Amino acid sequence: MSLVSVAVLSDIHGVLPALDAVLAEPDVAAAERIVVTGDIAAGPQPVEVLDRLTGLGDRVVWVRGNADRELVELAGNPELMTPVGIDRYAADQLTPAHVARLASLPHPVILDVDGFGRVLFCHGTPRDDDEVVLVDTRLAKWHEVLAEVPDDVTTIVCGHTHMPFVRLVDRRLVVNAGSVGMPYGAVGADWVLLDRAAVSVRKTRYDVEAARATIRASCTYAGVDEWTDEYLYARNSDVEALAAFGPRDGRPG
C-alpha cells in the first residue's frame, strides 16, 4: 500500500525538546509515517528520545545511522572510549532493551510513497551509513554511491551531514532532511515532508533556552551546557561544515 504523506526526521541526536517541537507540527502529526533516518540517540537525552519514538508505535519507521551503530558498540564495551564524550555518556544510559532496539535497525529502508513511487531512506548513502555526500559533491561520486540503487527508485532521502538540501542527480531526486537536534547553518529543528508528490523542507523554531534548561535538568554529562550551546544555537555555519566534510566525499584536494 502506498503512503500519501511521510515526515522525515534525521539526526535527532538525543535532543528531546527539538524532537517534541517537530512532533507537535500539524503536518507531522497528520503524516501516515514518520521516518527517522538515523543518529537518533547519541546526545544528552538518549533514553527519553528512544522512549518517545517507541511510544508512537508503528507510525515510526526506524533507519540506522552510524552513531546508532557506534552506541551499540560502546554499550557492549564499557571500557571503550570515544573522542566524542557525549557518545560514551549516551551509551552508558541505555538499557539492554534500548541497545537491542538500536542493534536491530535496518539500513536502508524502501517505502512506496504516492507521487514518488519507491523511495529509499538512508543515513549517509544507500550503501554506507557513514559515507559523506554533500549538495556540491561531484556527479561522478553521486553516480558511484547510487550505482546499486534499483532503477525504479528515483527518490533518495538521507541525513548524516546535518544540512538540508534538495538536488537532482541524473534524473534522481536526492533530499537531505538536515538535523533535528544538531543543525548546521541556522537555529531550529530541520525536517522534510513528502506529501502528494511534493518535497517540503521545513524548519521548526522552538525556545532554545528553555530546551537547554530542560536538558540540563535531566542530563549529568559534564559538558552538557557547552554541547547545547554549540549545537542548539547552530554555532557551526554551513560554510564551516561544508569545508570540514568536503574532503570526506573524495573530492580532489
C-alpha atoms as a PDB file:
ATOM      1  CA  MET A   1       0.000   0.000   0.000  1.00  0.00           C
ATOM      2  CA  SER A   2       1.350   3.396  -0.992  1.00  0.00           C
ATOM      3  CA  LEU A   3       1.681   6.144   1.612  1.00  0.00           C
ATOM      4  CA  VAL A   4       0.234   9.599   0.983  1.00  0.00           C
ATOM      5  CA  SER A   5       2.422  11.574   3.377  1.00  0.00           C
ATOM      6  CA  VAL A   6       5.720  10.887   5.119  1.00  0.00           C
ATOM      7  CA  ALA A   7       7.561  13.150   7.566  1.00  0.00           C
ATOM      8  CA  VAL A   8      11.312  12.552   7.646  1.00  0.00           C
ATOM      9  CA  LEU A   9      13.308  13.349  10.797  1.00  0.00           C
ATOM     10  CA  SER A  10      17.051  12.810  10.847  1.00  0.00           C
ATOM     11  CA  ASP A  11      19.907  13.253  13.288  1.00  0.00           C
ATOM     12  CA  ILE A  12      17.852  13.879  16.424  1.00  0.00           C
ATOM     13  CA  HIS A  13      20.984  13.198  18.493  1.00  0.00           C
ATOM     14  CA  GLY A  14      19.183  12.762  21.780  1.00  0.00           C
ATOM     15  CA  VAL A  15      17.585  16.235  21.928  1.00  0.00           C
ATOM     16  CA  LEU A  16      14.063  15.641  23.203  1.00  0.00           C
ATOM     17  CA  PRO A  17      12.783  19.274  23.173  1.00  0.00           C
ATOM     18  CA  ALA A  18      13.676  19.594  19.480  1.00  0.00           C
ATOM     19  CA  LEU A  19      12.011  16.251  18.712  1.00  0.00           C
ATOM     20  CA  ASP A  20       8.876  17.204  20.640  1.00  0.00           C
ATOM     21  CA  ALA A  21       8.686  20.532  18.798  1.00  0.00           C
ATOM     22  CA  VAL A  22       8.740  18.720  15.447  1.00  0.00           C
ATOM     23  CA  LEU A  23       6.265  16.061  16.554  1.00  0.00           C
ATOM     24  CA  ALA A  24       3.865  18.878  17.512  1.00  0.00           C
ATOM     25  CA  GLU A  25       3.850  20.226  13.947  1.00  0.00           C
ATOM     26  CA  PRO A  26       0.392  19.636  12.384  1.00  0.00           C
ATOM     27  CA  ASP A  27       1.880  18.096   9.235  1.00  0.00           C
ATOM     28  CA  VAL A  28       3.971  15.685  11.283  1.00  0.00           C
ATOM     29  CA  ALA A  29       1.020  14.771  13.465  1.00  0.00           C
ATOM     30  CA  ALA A  30      -1.027  14.096  10.316  1.00  0.00           C
ATOM     31  CA  ALA A  31       1.647  12.151   8.424  1.00  0.00           C
ATOM     32  CA  GLU A  32       0.939   8.480   7.838  1.00  0.00           C
ATOM     33  CA  ARG A  33       4.528   7.576   8.687  1.00  0.00           C
ATOM     34  CA  ILE A  34       7.423   9.265  10.437  1.00  0.00           C
ATOM     35  CA  VAL A  35      10.706   8.008   9.028  1.00  0.00           C
ATOM     36  CA  VAL A  36      13.678   8.570  11.327  1.00  0.00           C
ATOM     37  CA  THR A  37      16.835   8.355   9.236  1.00  0.00           C
ATOM     38  CA  GLY A  38      19.454   7.622  11.854  1.00  0.00           C
ATOM     39  CA  ASP A  39      21.659   9.120  14.565  1.00  0.00           C
ATOM     40  CA  ILE A  40      18.733   9.022  16.921  1.00  0.00           C
ATOM     41  CA  ALA A  41      20.089   8.755  20.449  1.00  0.00           C
ATOM     42  CA  ALA A  42      23.721   9.913  20.545  1.00  0.00           C
ATOM     43  CA  GLY A  43      23.267  13.038  22.633  1.00  0.00           C
ATOM     44  CA  PRO A  44      22.179  14.312  26.029  1.00  0.00           C
ATOM     45  CA  GLN A  45      18.762  12.570  26.316  1.00  0.00           C
ATOM     46  CA  PRO A  46      19.140   9.206  24.594  1.00  0.00           C
ATOM     47  CA  VAL A  47      16.642   7.240  26.668  1.00  0.00           C
ATOM     48  CA  GLU A  48      13.990   9.951  26.552  1.00  0.00           C
ATOM     49  CA  VAL A  49      14.209  10.225  22.766  1.00  0.00           C
ATOM     50  CA  LEU A  50      14.122   6.468  22.189  1.00  0.00           C
ATOM     51  CA  ASP A  51      11.156   6.075  24.535  1.00  0.00           C
ATOM     52  CA  ARG A  52       9.242   8.925  22.877  1.00  0.00           C
ATOM     53  CA  LEU A  53       9.660   7.403  19.426  1.00  0.00           C
ATOM     54  CA  THR A  54       8.868   3.893  20.648  1.00  0.00           C
ATOM     55  CA  GLY A  55       5.646   5.251  22.136  1.00  0.00           C
ATOM     56  CA  LEU A  56       4.484   6.275  18.673  1.00  0.00           C
ATOM     57  CA  GLY A  57       4.333   2.621  17.650  1.00  0.00           C
ATOM     58  CA  ASP A  58       4.190   1.525  14.046  1.00  0.00           C
ATOM     59  CA  ARG A  59       3.860   5.090  12.715  1.00  0.00           C
ATOM     60  CA  VAL A  60       7.631   5.365  13.118  1.00  0.00           C
ATOM     61  CA  VAL A  61       9.942   3.715  10.595  1.00  0.00           C
ATOM     62  CA  TRP A  62      13.444   3.449  12.009  1.00  0.00           C
ATOM     63  CA  VAL A  63      16.618   3.592   9.893  1.00  0.00           C
ATOM     64  CA  ARG A  64      20.103   3.010  11.305  1.00  0.00           C
ATOM     65  CA  GLY A  65      22.692   5.767  11.443  1.00  0.00           C
ATOM     66  CA  ASN A  66      26.399   5.434  12.078  1.00  0.00           C
ATOM     67  CA  ALA A  67      26.025   6.894  15.577  1.00  0.00           C
ATOM     68  CA  ASP A  68      23.347   4.310  16.436  1.00  0.00           C
ATOM     69  CA  ARG A  69      25.699   1.523  15.390  1.00  0.00           C
ATOM     70  CA  GLU A  70      28.530   3.110  17.371  1.00  0.00           C
ATOM     71  CA  LEU A  71      26.351   3.427  20.516  1.00  0.00           C
ATOM     72  CA  VAL A  72      25.671  -0.308  20.359  1.00  0.00           C
ATOM     73  CA  GLU A  73      29.403  -0.955  20.226  1.00  0.00           C
ATOM     74  CA  LEU A  74      30.076   1.423  23.127  1.00  0.00           C
ATOM     75  CA  ALA A  75      27.282  -0.091  25.225  1.00  0.00           C
ATOM     76  CA  GLY A  76      28.778  -3.536  24.705  1.00  0.00           C
ATOM     77  CA  ASN A  77      32.217  -2.430  25.865  1.00  0.00           C
ATOM     78  CA  PRO A  78      32.180  -0.086  28.896  1.00  0.00           C
ATOM     79  CA  GLU A  79      35.952   0.371  28.636  1.00  0.00           C
ATOM     80  CA  LEU A  80      35.818   1.570  25.040  1.00  0.00           C
ATOM     81  CA  MET A  81      36.395   5.303  24.763  1.00  0.00           C
ATOM     82  CA  THR A  82      35.479   7.745  22.014  1.00  0.00           C
ATOM     83  CA  PRO A  83      36.681  11.239  21.120  1.00  0.00           C
ATOM     84  CA  VAL A  84      33.060  12.386  21.337  1.00  0.00           C
ATOM     85  CA  GLY A  85      32.498  12.291  25.093  1.00  0.00           C
ATOM     86  CA  ILE A  86      28.728  12.637  24.956  1.00  0.00           C
ATOM     87  CA  ASP A  87      28.540   9.394  22.964  1.00  0.00           C
ATOM     88  CA  ARG A  88      30.138   7.498  25.840  1.00  0.00           C
ATOM     89  CA  TYR A  89      27.649   9.171  28.196  1.00  0.00           C
ATOM     90  CA  ALA A  90      24.705   8.257  25.961  1.00  0.00           C
ATOM     91  CA  ALA A  91      25.783   4.632  25.640  1.00  0.00           C
ATOM     92  CA  ASP A  92      26.038   4.330  29.419  1.00  0.00           C
ATOM     93  CA  GLN A  93      22.400   5.426  29.827  1.00  0.00           C
ATOM     94  CA  LEU A  94      20.930   2.733  27.604  1.00  0.00           C
ATOM     95  CA  THR A  95      19.118  -0.310  28.944  1.00  0.00           C
ATOM     96  CA  PRO A  96      19.521  -3.703  27.245  1.00  0.00           C
ATOM     97  CA  ALA A  97      16.173  -3.100  25.535  1.00  0.00           C
ATOM     98  CA  HIS A  98      17.387   0.203  24.088  1.00  0.00           C
ATOM     99  CA  VAL A  99      20.601  -1.426  22.878  1.00  0.00           C
ATOM    100  CA  ALA A 100      18.628  -4.238  21.259  1.00  0.00           C
ATOM    101  CA  ARG A 101      16.387  -1.718  19.522  1.00  0.00           C
ATOM    102  CA  LEU A 102      19.369   0.146  18.069  1.00  0.00           C
ATOM    103  CA  ALA A 103      21.152  -3.070  17.117  1.00  0.00           C
ATOM    104  CA  SER A 104      18.124  -4.224  15.113  1.00  0.00           C
ATOM    105  CA  LEU A 105      17.757  -1.114  12.961  1.00  0.00           C
ATOM    106  CA  PRO A 106      17.859  -1.650   9.184  1.00  0.00           C
ATOM    107  CA  HIS A 107      19.755   0.380   6.611  1.00  0.00           C
ATOM    108  CA  PRO A 108      18.484   1.383   4.099  1.00  0.00           C
ATOM    109  CA  VAL A 109      14.661   1.189   4.007  1.00  0.00           C
ATOM    110  CA  ILE A 110      12.430   1.472   0.917  1.00  0.00           C
ATOM    111  CA  LEU A 111       8.788   2.594   1.090  1.00  0.00           C
ATOM    112  CA  ASP A 112       6.144   3.302  -1.554  1.00  0.00           C
ATOM    113  CA  VAL A 113       5.006   6.934  -1.400  1.00  0.00           C
ATOM    114  CA  ASP A 114       2.294   8.481  -3.580  1.00  0.00           C
ATOM    115  CA  GLY A 115       3.746  10.659  -6.309  1.00  0.00           C
ATOM    116  CA  PHE A 116       7.272   9.366  -5.737  1.00  0.00           C
ATOM    117  CA  GLY A 117       6.988   5.611  -6.195  1.00  0.00           C
ATOM    118  CA  ARG A 118       9.607   3.627  -4.297  1.00  0.00           C
ATOM    119  CA  VAL A 119      11.593   5.948  -2.012  1.00  0.00           C
ATOM    120  CA  LEU A 120      14.875   4.862  -0.443  1.00  0.00           C
ATOM    121  CA  PHE A 121      15.597   6.217   3.038  1.00  0.00           C
ATOM    122  CA  CYS A 122      19.167   6.020   4.324  1.00  0.00           C
ATOM    123  CA  HIS A 123      21.569   7.795   6.637  1.00  0.00           C
ATOM    124  CA  GLY A 124      24.818   8.564   4.817  1.00  0.00           C
ATOM    125  CA  THR A 125      24.318   6.901   1.435  1.00  0.00           C
ATOM    126  CA  PRO A 126      22.329   3.836   0.368  1.00  0.00           C
ATOM    127  CA  ARG A 127      25.424   1.666   0.657  1.00  0.00           C
ATOM    128  CA  ASP A 128      27.075   3.046   3.805  1.00  0.00           C
ATOM    129  CA  ASP A 129      25.606   4.746   6.872  1.00  0.00           C
ATOM    130  CA  ASP A 130      28.805   6.782   7.404  1.00  0.00           C
ATOM    131  CA  GLU A 131      29.563   7.846   3.829  1.00  0.00           C
ATOM    132  CA  VAL A 132      29.532  11.590   3.121  1.00  0.00           C
ATOM    133  CA  VAL A 133      27.851  13.217   0.148  1.00  0.00           C
ATOM    134  CA  LEU A 134      27.002  16.907   0.023  1.00  0.00           C
ATOM    135  CA  VAL A 135      24.942  19.295  -2.060  1.00  0.00           C
ATOM    136  CA  ASP A 136      28.082  20.193  -4.034  1.00  0.00           C
ATOM    137  CA  THR A 137      29.507  16.662  -4.325  1.00  0.00           C
ATOM    138  CA  ARG A 138      30.597  15.976  -7.893  1.00  0.00           C
ATOM    139  CA  LEU A 139      28.336  13.877 -10.104  1.00  0.00           C
ATOM    140  CA  ALA A 140      30.925  11.122 -10.549  1.00  0.00           C
ATOM    141  CA  LYS A 141      30.787  10.466  -6.794  1.00  0.00           C
ATOM    142  CA  TRP A 142      26.986  10.548  -6.770  1.00  0.00           C
ATOM    143  CA  HIS A 143      26.873   8.027  -9.608  1.00  0.00           C
ATOM    144  CA  GLU A 144      29.203   5.786  -7.629  1.00  0.00           C
ATOM    145  CA  VAL A 145      27.189   5.829  -4.392  1.00  0.00           C
ATOM    146  CA  LEU A 146      23.868   5.334  -6.186  1.00  0.00           C
ATOM    147  CA  ALA A 147      25.111   2.649  -8.592  1.00  0.00           C
ATOM    148  CA  GLU A 148      23.423  -0.251  -6.772  1.00  0.00           C
ATOM    149  CA  VAL A 149      20.115   1.512  -6.115  1.00  0.00           C
ATOM    150  CA  PRO A 150      17.299  -0.231  -8.045  1.00  0.00           C
ATOM    151  CA  ASP A 151      16.302   1.538 -11.262  1.00  0.00           C
ATOM    152  CA  ASP A 152      12.717   2.017 -10.067  1.00  0.00           C
ATOM    153  CA  VAL A 153      13.888   4.068  -7.056  1.00  0.00           C
ATOM    154  CA  THR A 154      14.066   7.655  -8.236  1.00  0.00           C
ATOM    155  CA  THR A 155      13.966   9.419  -4.859  1.00  0.00           C
ATOM    156  CA  ILE A 156      16.580   9.036  -2.125  1.00  0.00           C
ATOM    157  CA  VAL A 157      16.235  10.699   1.277  1.00  0.00           C
ATOM    158  CA  CYS A 158      19.274  10.846   3.543  1.00  0.00           C
ATOM    159  CA  GLY A 159      20.748  12.663   6.553  1.00  0.00           C
ATOM    160  CA  HIS A 160      24.158  12.432   8.282  1.00  0.00           C
ATOM    161  CA  THR A 161      25.655  15.835   7.368  1.00  0.00           C
ATOM    162  CA  HIS A 162      23.123  17.989   9.277  1.00  0.00           C
ATOM    163  CA  MET A 163      22.430  20.358   6.349  1.00  0.00           C
ATOM    164  CA  PRO A 164      19.176  20.097   4.372  1.00  0.00           C
ATOM    165  CA  PHE A 165      19.170  20.182   0.585  1.00  0.00           C
ATOM    166  CA  VAL A 166      17.257  19.036  -2.476  1.00  0.00           C
ATOM    167  CA  ARG A 167      19.061  18.306  -5.752  1.00  0.00           C
ATOM    168  CA  LEU A 168      18.825  16.240  -8.913  1.00  0.00           C
ATOM    169  CA  VAL A 169      21.377  13.552  -9.708  1.00  0.00           C
ATOM    170  CA  ASP A 170      20.926  12.268 -13.252  1.00  0.00           C
ATOM    171  CA  ARG A 171      17.104  12.308 -13.051  1.00  0.00           C
ATOM    172  CA  ARG A 172      17.027  11.061  -9.474  1.00  0.00           C
ATOM    173  CA  LEU A 173      15.823  13.353  -6.705  1.00  0.00           C
ATOM    174  CA  VAL A 174      18.090  13.406  -3.642  1.00  0.00           C
ATOM    175  CA  VAL A 175      16.858  15.013  -0.434  1.00  0.00           C
ATOM    176  CA  ASN A 176      18.779  15.587   2.786  1.00  0.00           C
ATOM    177  CA  ALA A 177      16.482  16.075   5.775  1.00  0.00           C
ATOM    178  CA  GLY A 178      19.049  18.044   7.797  1.00  0.00           C
ATOM    179  CA  SER A 179      19.135  17.598  11.561  1.00  0.00           C
ATOM    180  CA  VAL A 180      16.509  17.869  14.279  1.00  0.00           C
ATOM    181  CA  GLY A 181      18.935  18.152  17.187  1.00  0.00           C
ATOM    182  CA  MET A 182      22.280  19.363  15.762  1.00  0.00           C
ATOM    183  CA  PRO A 183      21.617  21.698  12.824  1.00  0.00           C
ATOM    184  CA  TYR A 184      24.447  23.380  10.973  1.00  0.00           C
ATOM    185  CA  GLY A 185      23.818  26.804   9.481  1.00  0.00           C
ATOM    186  CA  ALA A 186      20.645  28.024  11.196  1.00  0.00           C
ATOM    187  CA  VAL A 187      18.869  27.602  14.541  1.00  0.00           C
ATOM    188  CA  GLY A 188      15.860  25.291  14.590  1.00  0.00           C
ATOM    189  CA  ALA A 189      14.932  21.666  14.022  1.00  0.00           C
ATOM    190  CA  ASP A 190      15.117  20.593  10.365  1.00  0.00           C
ATOM    191  CA  TRP A 191      12.801  18.011   8.816  1.00  0.00           C
ATOM    192  CA  VAL A 192      11.228  17.131   5.471  1.00  0.00           C
ATOM    193  CA  LEU A 193       7.687  16.348   4.355  1.00  0.00           C
ATOM    194  CA  LEU A 194       6.901  14.148   1.351  1.00  0.00           C
ATOM    195  CA  ASP A 195       3.264  14.775   0.511  1.00  0.00           C
ATOM    196  CA  ARG A 196       1.307  14.419  -2.741  1.00  0.00           C
ATOM    197  CA  ALA A 197       4.374  14.359  -4.983  1.00  0.00           C
ATOM    198  CA  ALA A 198       5.886  17.451  -3.341  1.00  0.00           C
ATOM    199  CA  VAL A 199       9.004  17.768  -1.188  1.00  0.00           C
ATOM    200  CA  SER A 200       8.879  20.417   1.503  1.00  0.00           C
ATOM    201  CA  VAL A 201      11.973  21.281   3.544  1.00  0.00           C
ATOM    202  CA  ARG A 202      10.882  22.599   6.927  1.00  0.00           C
ATOM    203  CA  LYS A 203      12.457  24.178   9.992  1.00  0.00           C
ATOM    204  CA  THR A 204      10.697  24.193  13.369  1.00  0.00           C
ATOM    205  CA  ARG A 205      11.609  27.019  15.734  1.00  0.00           C
ATOM    206  CA  TYR A 206      11.495  26.403  19.463  1.00  0.00           C
ATOM    207  CA  ASP A 207      12.677  28.083  22.665  1.00  0.00           C
ATOM    208  CA  VAL A 208      16.340  27.161  22.802  1.00  0.00           C
ATOM    209  CA  GLU A 209      16.998  28.465  26.308  1.00  0.00           C
ATOM    210  CA  ALA A 210      14.005  26.587  27.701  1.00  0.00           C
ATOM    211  CA  ALA A 211      15.243  23.469  25.906  1.00  0.00           C
ATOM    212  CA  ARG A 212      18.735  23.902  27.356  1.00  0.00           C
ATOM    213  CA  ALA A 213      17.262  24.204  30.864  1.00  0.00           C
ATOM    214  CA  THR A 214      15.182  21.053  30.385  1.00  0.00           C
ATOM    215  CA  ILE A 215      18.195  19.122  29.125  1.00  0.00           C
ATOM    216  CA  ARG A 216      20.373  20.434  31.947  1.00  0.00           C
ATOM    217  CA  ALA A 217      17.849  19.161  34.496  1.00  0.00           C
ATOM    218  CA  SER A 218      17.915  15.610  33.154  1.00  0.00           C
ATOM    219  CA  CYS A 219      21.465  15.164  31.850  1.00  0.00           C
ATOM    220  CA  THR A 220      24.505  14.600  34.056  1.00  0.00           C
ATOM    221  CA  TYR A 221      27.071  14.865  31.254  1.00  0.00           C
ATOM    222  CA  ALA A 222      29.737  17.286  32.499  1.00  0.00           C
ATOM    223  CA  GLY A 223      29.873  19.301  29.279  1.00  0.00           C
ATOM    224  CA  VAL A 224      26.149  19.474  28.596  1.00  0.00           C
ATOM    225  CA  ASP A 225      25.899  23.281  28.696  1.00  0.00           C
ATOM    226  CA  GLU A 226      28.719  23.686  26.198  1.00  0.00           C
ATOM    227  CA  TRP A 227      27.205  20.973  24.000  1.00  0.00           C
ATOM    228  CA  THR A 228      23.729  22.505  23.921  1.00  0.00           C
ATOM    229  CA  ASP A 229      25.138  25.986  23.340  1.00  0.00           C
ATOM    230  CA  GLU A 230      27.128  24.807  20.335  1.00  0.00           C
ATOM    231  CA  TYR A 231      24.509  22.632  18.699  1.00  0.00           C
ATOM    232  CA  LEU A 232      21.118  24.050  19.650  1.00  0.00           C
ATOM    233  CA  TYR A 233      22.321  27.514  18.659  1.00  0.00           C
ATOM    234  CA  ALA A 234      23.871  26.149  15.441  1.00  0.00           C
ATOM    235  CA  ARG A 235      27.222  27.772  16.148  1.00  0.00           C
ATOM    236  CA  ASN A 236      28.672  25.825  13.189  1.00  0.00           C
ATOM    237  CA  SER A 237      27.791  27.521   9.912  1.00  0.00           C
ATOM    238  CA  ASP A 238      27.005  25.661   6.729  1.00  0.00           C
ATOM    239  CA  VAL A 239      30.178  27.122   5.198  1.00  0.00           C
ATOM    240  CA  GLU A 240      32.284  25.713   8.038  1.00  0.00           C
ATOM    241  CA  ALA A 241      30.505  22.360   7.886  1.00  0.00           C
ATOM    242  CA  LEU A 242      30.948  22.043   4.125  1.00  0.00           C
ATOM    243  CA  ALA A 243      34.643  22.842   4.493  1.00  0.00           C
ATOM    244  CA  ALA A 244      35.010  20.201   7.219  1.00  0.00           C
ATOM    245  CA  PHE A 245      33.008  17.487   5.440  1.00  0.00           C
ATOM    246  CA  GLY A 246      34.175  18.238   1.901  1.00  0.00           C
ATOM    247  CA  PRO A 247      37.363  16.146   1.942  1.00  0.00           C
ATOM    248  CA  ARG A 248      35.346  13.105   3.027  1.00  0.00           C
ATOM    249  CA  ASP A 249      33.459  12.876  -0.265  1.00  0.00           C
ATOM    250  CA  GLY A 250      36.692  12.176  -2.111  1.00  0.00           C
ATOM    251  CA  ARG A 251      36.812  15.463  -3.975  1.00  0.00           C
ATOM    252  CA  PRO A 252      40.178  16.474  -5.407  1.00  0.00           C
ATOM    253  CA  GLY A 253      42.289  18.396  -2.906  1.00  0.00           C
END
